């Protein structure tokens, strides 16, 4: 059973920083793309950032220059460094991975970690 455990969320003042972590457990052959999504109350889930197995990254326009996604392939962990946080960044953040099991590619979601930004 593959599980994604997220941590690092919390309450931060506007302009502050947080680092989210998502550690994976369980067996899979390899992890392809890792990503972070956010979902604000009453809104659809939105893509924040992605990172490929080769380290290529993409970001939503709203977080470019402020957030950095990274991964530690040895630990099978993905991180999201969030700087210069704004109240509109407040949401539940979900990590997502695409992982190979045998020759099949599956996707997995974490349970989410709450980020609250006060003004």
N, C-alpha and C. Protein backbone atom coordinates (compact mmCIF):
# COMPACT_ATOMS: atom_id res chain seq x y z
N UNK A 1 0.84 -1.18 0.00
CA UNK A 1 0.00 0.00 0.00
C UNK A 1 0.89 1.24 0.00
N UNK A 2 0.67 2.10 -0.95
CA UNK A 2 1.43 3.33 -1.06
C UNK A 2 0.71 4.43 -0.30
N UNK A 3 1.47 5.13 0.52
CA UNK A 3 0.92 6.24 1.28
C UNK A 3 1.80 7.46 1.14
N UNK A 4 1.17 8.61 1.14
CA UNK A 4 1.87 9.88 1.11
C UNK A 4 1.51 10.63 2.38
N UNK A 5 2.52 10.97 3.16
CA UNK A 5 2.32 11.64 4.43
C UNK A 5 2.88 13.05 4.32
N UNK A 6 2.00 14.02 4.47
CA UNK A 6 2.37 15.41 4.33
C UNK A 6 2.58 16.05 5.70
N UNK A 7 3.48 17.00 5.74
CA UNK A 7 3.74 17.72 6.97
C UNK A 7 4.28 19.09 6.64
N UNK A 8 4.32 19.94 7.63
CA UNK A 8 4.91 21.26 7.47
C UNK A 8 3.93 22.40 7.37
N UNK A 9 2.66 22.08 7.27
CA UNK A 9 1.67 23.14 7.22
C UNK A 9 1.50 23.79 8.57
N UNK A 10 0.79 24.89 8.56
CA UNK A 10 0.56 25.61 9.79
C UNK A 10 0.13 27.02 9.54
N UNK A 11 0.22 27.82 10.58
CA UNK A 11 -0.16 29.22 10.53
C UNK A 11 1.08 30.09 10.39
N UNK A 12 1.04 30.99 9.45
CA UNK A 12 2.16 31.89 9.22
C UNK A 12 1.62 33.26 8.86
N UNK A 13 2.35 34.28 9.23
CA UNK A 13 1.97 35.63 8.86
C UNK A 13 2.30 35.90 7.40
N UNK A 14 1.55 36.81 6.81
CA UNK A 14 1.85 37.21 5.45
C UNK A 14 3.30 37.67 5.33
N UNK A 15 3.95 37.21 4.29
CA UNK A 15 5.35 37.49 4.10
C UNK A 15 6.27 36.44 4.67
N UNK A 16 5.73 35.53 5.44
CA UNK A 16 6.52 34.48 6.05
C UNK A 16 6.72 33.31 5.13
N UNK A 17 7.32 32.26 5.69
CA UNK A 17 7.68 31.09 4.90
C UNK A 17 7.26 29.81 5.60
N UNK A 18 7.02 28.81 4.81
CA UNK A 18 6.79 27.45 5.27
C UNK A 18 7.45 26.49 4.30
N UNK A 19 7.80 25.34 4.80
CA UNK A 19 8.29 24.28 3.95
C UNK A 19 7.43 23.04 4.16
N UNK A 20 6.77 22.62 3.12
CA UNK A 20 5.96 21.43 3.16
C UNK A 20 6.78 20.23 2.72
N UNK A 21 6.52 19.11 3.36
CA UNK A 21 7.18 17.87 3.00
C UNK A 21 6.12 16.81 2.73
N UNK A 22 6.44 15.93 1.84
CA UNK A 22 5.57 14.81 1.54
C UNK A 22 6.44 13.57 1.39
N UNK A 23 6.35 12.71 2.36
CA UNK A 23 7.14 11.48 2.36
C UNK A 23 6.27 10.32 1.91
N UNK A 24 6.82 9.53 1.03
CA UNK A 24 6.09 8.38 0.51
C UNK A 24 6.54 7.11 1.20
N UNK A 25 5.63 6.19 1.30
CA UNK A 25 5.94 4.88 1.84
C UNK A 25 5.23 3.83 1.01
N UNK A 26 5.72 2.63 1.10
CA UNK A 26 5.17 1.56 0.29
C UNK A 26 6.10 1.22 -0.85
N UNK A 27 5.72 0.20 -1.56
CA UNK A 27 6.58 -0.28 -2.61
C UNK A 27 6.11 0.18 -3.98
N UNK A 28 7.03 0.66 -4.74
CA UNK A 28 6.82 0.97 -6.14
C UNK A 28 8.17 0.94 -6.81
N UNK A 29 8.15 0.78 -8.09
CA UNK A 29 9.40 0.66 -8.81
C UNK A 29 10.15 1.99 -8.87
N UNK A 30 9.44 3.03 -9.20
CA UNK A 30 10.04 4.35 -9.27
C UNK A 30 8.94 5.39 -9.26
N UNK A 31 9.32 6.60 -8.96
CA UNK A 31 8.39 7.72 -8.96
C UNK A 31 8.72 8.62 -10.14
N UNK A 32 7.70 8.93 -10.90
CA UNK A 32 7.89 9.80 -12.04
C UNK A 32 7.71 11.26 -11.60
N UNK A 33 6.59 11.84 -11.92
CA UNK A 33 6.35 13.23 -11.58
C UNK A 33 5.79 13.36 -10.17
N UNK A 34 6.27 14.36 -9.46
CA UNK A 34 5.74 14.71 -8.16
C UNK A 34 5.20 16.13 -8.25
N UNK A 35 4.17 16.39 -7.48
CA UNK A 35 3.50 17.67 -7.63
C UNK A 35 2.85 18.10 -6.32
N UNK A 36 2.56 19.37 -6.26
CA UNK A 36 1.77 19.95 -5.19
C UNK A 36 0.56 20.64 -5.77
N UNK A 37 -0.56 20.43 -5.13
CA UNK A 37 -1.81 21.08 -5.47
C UNK A 37 -2.32 21.82 -4.24
N UNK A 38 -3.19 22.77 -4.48
CA UNK A 38 -3.88 23.42 -3.39
C UNK A 38 -5.37 23.41 -3.64
N UNK A 39 -6.11 23.43 -2.56
CA UNK A 39 -7.55 23.52 -2.66
C UNK A 39 -8.07 24.42 -1.55
N UNK A 40 -8.61 25.54 -1.96
CA UNK A 40 -9.21 26.47 -1.02
C UNK A 40 -10.66 26.06 -0.78
N UNK A 41 -11.23 26.45 0.35
CA UNK A 41 -12.61 26.08 0.64
C UNK A 41 -13.56 26.51 -0.46
N UNK A 42 -14.38 25.58 -0.90
CA UNK A 42 -15.38 25.88 -1.91
C UNK A 42 -14.85 26.02 -3.32
N UNK A 43 -13.58 25.71 -3.52
CA UNK A 43 -12.98 25.85 -4.84
C UNK A 43 -12.37 24.53 -5.29
N UNK A 44 -12.13 24.45 -6.57
CA UNK A 44 -11.54 23.25 -7.14
C UNK A 44 -10.05 23.18 -6.83
N UNK A 45 -9.53 21.98 -6.89
CA UNK A 45 -8.12 21.78 -6.65
C UNK A 45 -7.30 22.34 -7.80
N UNK A 46 -6.23 23.03 -7.46
CA UNK A 46 -5.40 23.69 -8.45
C UNK A 46 -3.96 23.21 -8.36
N UNK A 47 -3.34 23.11 -9.50
CA UNK A 47 -1.94 22.72 -9.55
C UNK A 47 -1.05 23.87 -9.14
N UNK A 48 -0.11 23.59 -8.26
CA UNK A 48 0.83 24.60 -7.78
C UNK A 48 2.18 24.45 -8.46
N UNK A 49 2.72 23.25 -8.43
CA UNK A 49 4.05 23.02 -8.97
C UNK A 49 4.24 21.55 -9.26
N UNK A 50 5.08 21.28 -10.23
CA UNK A 50 5.43 19.90 -10.57
C UNK A 50 6.94 19.79 -10.69
N UNK A 51 7.42 18.58 -10.49
CA UNK A 51 8.83 18.29 -10.71
C UNK A 51 8.94 16.89 -11.27
N UNK A 52 9.66 16.77 -12.35
CA UNK A 52 9.82 15.48 -13.00
C UNK A 52 10.93 14.69 -12.33
N UNK A 53 11.06 13.45 -12.75
CA UNK A 53 12.11 12.61 -12.21
C UNK A 53 13.49 13.17 -12.53
N UNK A 54 13.60 13.91 -13.62
CA UNK A 54 14.85 14.52 -13.99
C UNK A 54 15.10 15.88 -13.36
N UNK A 55 14.14 16.36 -12.59
CA UNK A 55 14.32 17.61 -11.88
C UNK A 55 13.76 18.84 -12.57
N UNK A 56 13.10 18.66 -13.70
CA UNK A 56 12.48 19.80 -14.37
C UNK A 56 11.25 20.24 -13.59
N UNK A 57 11.09 21.54 -13.45
CA UNK A 57 10.00 22.08 -12.64
C UNK A 57 9.11 22.99 -13.45
N UNK A 58 7.86 23.06 -13.01
CA UNK A 58 6.90 24.00 -13.54
C UNK A 58 6.08 24.54 -12.39
N UNK A 59 5.67 25.79 -12.53
CA UNK A 59 4.95 26.46 -11.46
C UNK A 59 3.73 27.18 -12.01
N UNK A 60 2.72 27.26 -11.18
CA UNK A 60 1.61 28.14 -11.49
C UNK A 60 2.12 29.58 -11.48
N UNK A 61 1.53 30.39 -12.33
CA UNK A 61 1.98 31.78 -12.42
C UNK A 61 1.89 32.50 -11.08
N UNK A 62 0.92 32.14 -10.29
CA UNK A 62 0.70 32.84 -9.03
C UNK A 62 1.80 32.61 -8.00
N UNK A 63 2.60 31.57 -8.18
CA UNK A 63 3.63 31.25 -7.19
C UNK A 63 5.04 31.36 -7.73
N UNK A 64 5.19 31.67 -8.99
CA UNK A 64 6.52 31.78 -9.57
C UNK A 64 7.33 32.85 -8.85
N UNK A 65 8.55 32.49 -8.54
CA UNK A 65 9.42 33.40 -7.84
C UNK A 65 9.27 33.36 -6.34
N UNK A 66 8.24 32.69 -5.84
CA UNK A 66 8.00 32.60 -4.41
C UNK A 66 8.11 31.18 -3.88
N UNK A 67 7.65 30.22 -4.64
CA UNK A 67 7.65 28.82 -4.22
C UNK A 67 8.70 28.05 -4.99
N UNK A 68 9.25 27.04 -4.34
CA UNK A 68 10.22 26.17 -4.98
C UNK A 68 9.89 24.72 -4.64
N UNK A 69 9.72 23.92 -5.66
CA UNK A 69 9.50 22.50 -5.46
C UNK A 69 10.82 21.77 -5.65
N UNK A 70 11.04 20.78 -4.83
CA UNK A 70 12.25 19.99 -4.92
C UNK A 70 11.94 18.56 -4.50
N UNK A 71 12.86 17.68 -4.76
CA UNK A 71 12.64 16.28 -4.39
C UNK A 71 13.95 15.64 -3.98
N UNK A 72 13.83 14.69 -3.10
CA UNK A 72 14.95 13.88 -2.67
C UNK A 72 14.60 12.46 -3.08
N UNK A 73 15.21 12.01 -4.14
CA UNK A 73 14.87 10.70 -4.67
C UNK A 73 15.33 9.56 -3.77
N UNK A 74 16.35 9.80 -2.98
CA UNK A 74 16.79 8.79 -2.04
C UNK A 74 15.75 8.55 -0.96
N UNK A 75 15.14 9.63 -0.51
CA UNK A 75 14.13 9.54 0.54
C UNK A 75 12.71 9.44 -0.01
N UNK A 76 12.57 9.53 -1.31
CA UNK A 76 11.24 9.52 -1.93
C UNK A 76 10.34 10.57 -1.31
N UNK A 77 10.87 11.75 -1.22
CA UNK A 77 10.18 12.86 -0.59
C UNK A 77 10.18 14.07 -1.50
N UNK A 78 9.07 14.76 -1.53
CA UNK A 78 8.95 15.99 -2.29
C UNK A 78 8.70 17.13 -1.32
N UNK A 79 9.28 18.27 -1.61
CA UNK A 79 9.17 19.44 -0.75
C UNK A 79 8.59 20.61 -1.53
N UNK A 80 7.99 21.50 -0.80
CA UNK A 80 7.54 22.76 -1.35
C UNK A 80 7.96 23.86 -0.39
N UNK A 81 8.95 24.63 -0.80
CA UNK A 81 9.39 25.78 -0.03
C UNK A 81 8.54 26.96 -0.45
N UNK A 82 7.84 27.54 0.49
CA UNK A 82 6.93 28.63 0.22
C UNK A 82 7.42 29.88 0.93
N UNK A 83 7.79 30.86 0.15
CA UNK A 83 8.27 32.13 0.68
C UNK A 83 7.31 33.24 0.29
N UNK A 84 7.43 34.34 1.00
CA UNK A 84 6.61 35.52 0.73
C UNK A 84 5.13 35.15 0.64
N UNK A 85 4.67 34.42 1.62
CA UNK A 85 3.31 33.92 1.59
C UNK A 85 2.29 35.05 1.66
N UNK A 86 1.22 34.85 0.93
CA UNK A 86 0.13 35.80 0.86
C UNK A 86 -1.13 35.17 1.42
N UNK A 87 -2.06 35.97 1.90
CA UNK A 87 -3.32 35.40 2.38
C UNK A 87 -4.02 34.52 1.35
N UNK A 88 -3.92 34.86 0.09
CA UNK A 88 -4.55 34.07 -0.95
C UNK A 88 -3.89 32.72 -1.16
N UNK A 89 -2.73 32.50 -0.56
CA UNK A 89 -2.09 31.19 -0.62
C UNK A 89 -2.71 30.20 0.36
N UNK A 90 -3.50 30.68 1.28
CA UNK A 90 -4.10 29.83 2.29
C UNK A 90 -4.98 28.77 1.64
N UNK A 91 -4.76 27.54 2.00
CA UNK A 91 -5.48 26.42 1.41
C UNK A 91 -4.98 25.13 2.05
N UNK A 92 -5.61 24.05 1.68
CA UNK A 92 -5.07 22.74 1.98
C UNK A 92 -4.18 22.35 0.81
N UNK A 93 -2.97 21.97 1.12
CA UNK A 93 -2.02 21.59 0.09
C UNK A 93 -1.89 20.08 0.05
N UNK A 94 -1.97 19.54 -1.15
CA UNK A 94 -1.92 18.11 -1.36
C UNK A 94 -0.73 17.75 -2.22
N UNK A 95 0.00 16.75 -1.80
CA UNK A 95 1.04 16.25 -2.68
C UNK A 95 0.47 15.14 -3.54
N UNK A 96 1.09 14.96 -4.67
CA UNK A 96 0.64 13.98 -5.64
C UNK A 96 1.86 13.39 -6.34
N UNK A 97 1.83 12.10 -6.51
CA UNK A 97 2.91 11.46 -7.23
C UNK A 97 2.36 10.53 -8.30
N UNK A 98 3.13 10.37 -9.32
CA UNK A 98 2.91 9.33 -10.31
C UNK A 98 4.02 8.31 -10.12
N UNK A 99 3.64 7.08 -9.88
CA UNK A 99 4.61 6.05 -9.55
C UNK A 99 4.36 4.80 -10.37
N UNK A 100 5.45 4.19 -10.77
CA UNK A 100 5.37 2.94 -11.51
C UNK A 100 5.30 1.77 -10.55
N UNK A 101 4.37 0.89 -10.81
CA UNK A 101 4.30 -0.41 -10.18
C UNK A 101 4.27 -1.42 -11.31
N UNK A 102 5.33 -2.19 -11.41
CA UNK A 102 5.58 -3.01 -12.59
C UNK A 102 5.66 -2.05 -13.78
N UNK A 103 4.86 -2.26 -14.79
CA UNK A 103 4.88 -1.38 -15.94
C UNK A 103 3.74 -0.38 -15.94
N UNK A 104 2.94 -0.40 -14.90
CA UNK A 104 1.79 0.48 -14.81
C UNK A 104 2.13 1.75 -14.04
N UNK A 105 1.59 2.85 -14.52
CA UNK A 105 1.76 4.13 -13.87
C UNK A 105 0.49 4.46 -13.10
N UNK A 106 0.65 4.68 -11.81
CA UNK A 106 -0.47 5.01 -10.94
C UNK A 106 -0.24 6.38 -10.32
N UNK A 107 -1.31 6.99 -9.89
CA UNK A 107 -1.19 8.25 -9.19
C UNK A 107 -1.73 8.11 -7.77
N UNK A 108 -1.12 8.86 -6.87
CA UNK A 108 -1.45 8.80 -5.46
C UNK A 108 -1.54 10.20 -4.89
N UNK A 109 -2.45 10.36 -3.96
CA UNK A 109 -2.66 11.64 -3.29
C UNK A 109 -2.37 11.54 -1.81
N UNK A 110 -1.79 12.60 -1.28
CA UNK A 110 -1.69 12.73 0.16
C UNK A 110 -3.00 13.21 0.75
N UNK A 111 -3.05 13.24 2.07
CA UNK A 111 -4.27 13.63 2.76
C UNK A 111 -4.42 15.14 2.90
N UNK A 112 -3.38 15.86 2.62
CA UNK A 112 -3.43 17.31 2.67
C UNK A 112 -2.89 17.86 3.97
N UNK A 113 -2.32 19.04 3.88
CA UNK A 113 -1.85 19.75 5.05
C UNK A 113 -2.30 21.20 4.94
N UNK A 114 -2.83 21.71 6.03
CA UNK A 114 -3.43 23.04 6.03
C UNK A 114 -2.38 24.12 6.13
N UNK A 115 -2.49 25.09 5.26
CA UNK A 115 -1.66 26.29 5.31
C UNK A 115 -2.58 27.48 5.53
N UNK A 116 -2.34 28.20 6.60
CA UNK A 116 -3.12 29.38 6.91
C UNK A 116 -2.18 30.58 6.95
N UNK A 117 -2.57 31.63 6.26
CA UNK A 117 -1.75 32.83 6.19
C UNK A 117 -2.56 33.99 6.75
N UNK A 118 -2.06 34.58 7.79
CA UNK A 118 -2.74 35.70 8.41
C UNK A 118 -2.19 37.01 7.87
N UNK A 119 -3.05 38.01 7.86
CA UNK A 119 -2.65 39.32 7.39
C UNK A 119 -2.21 40.22 8.52
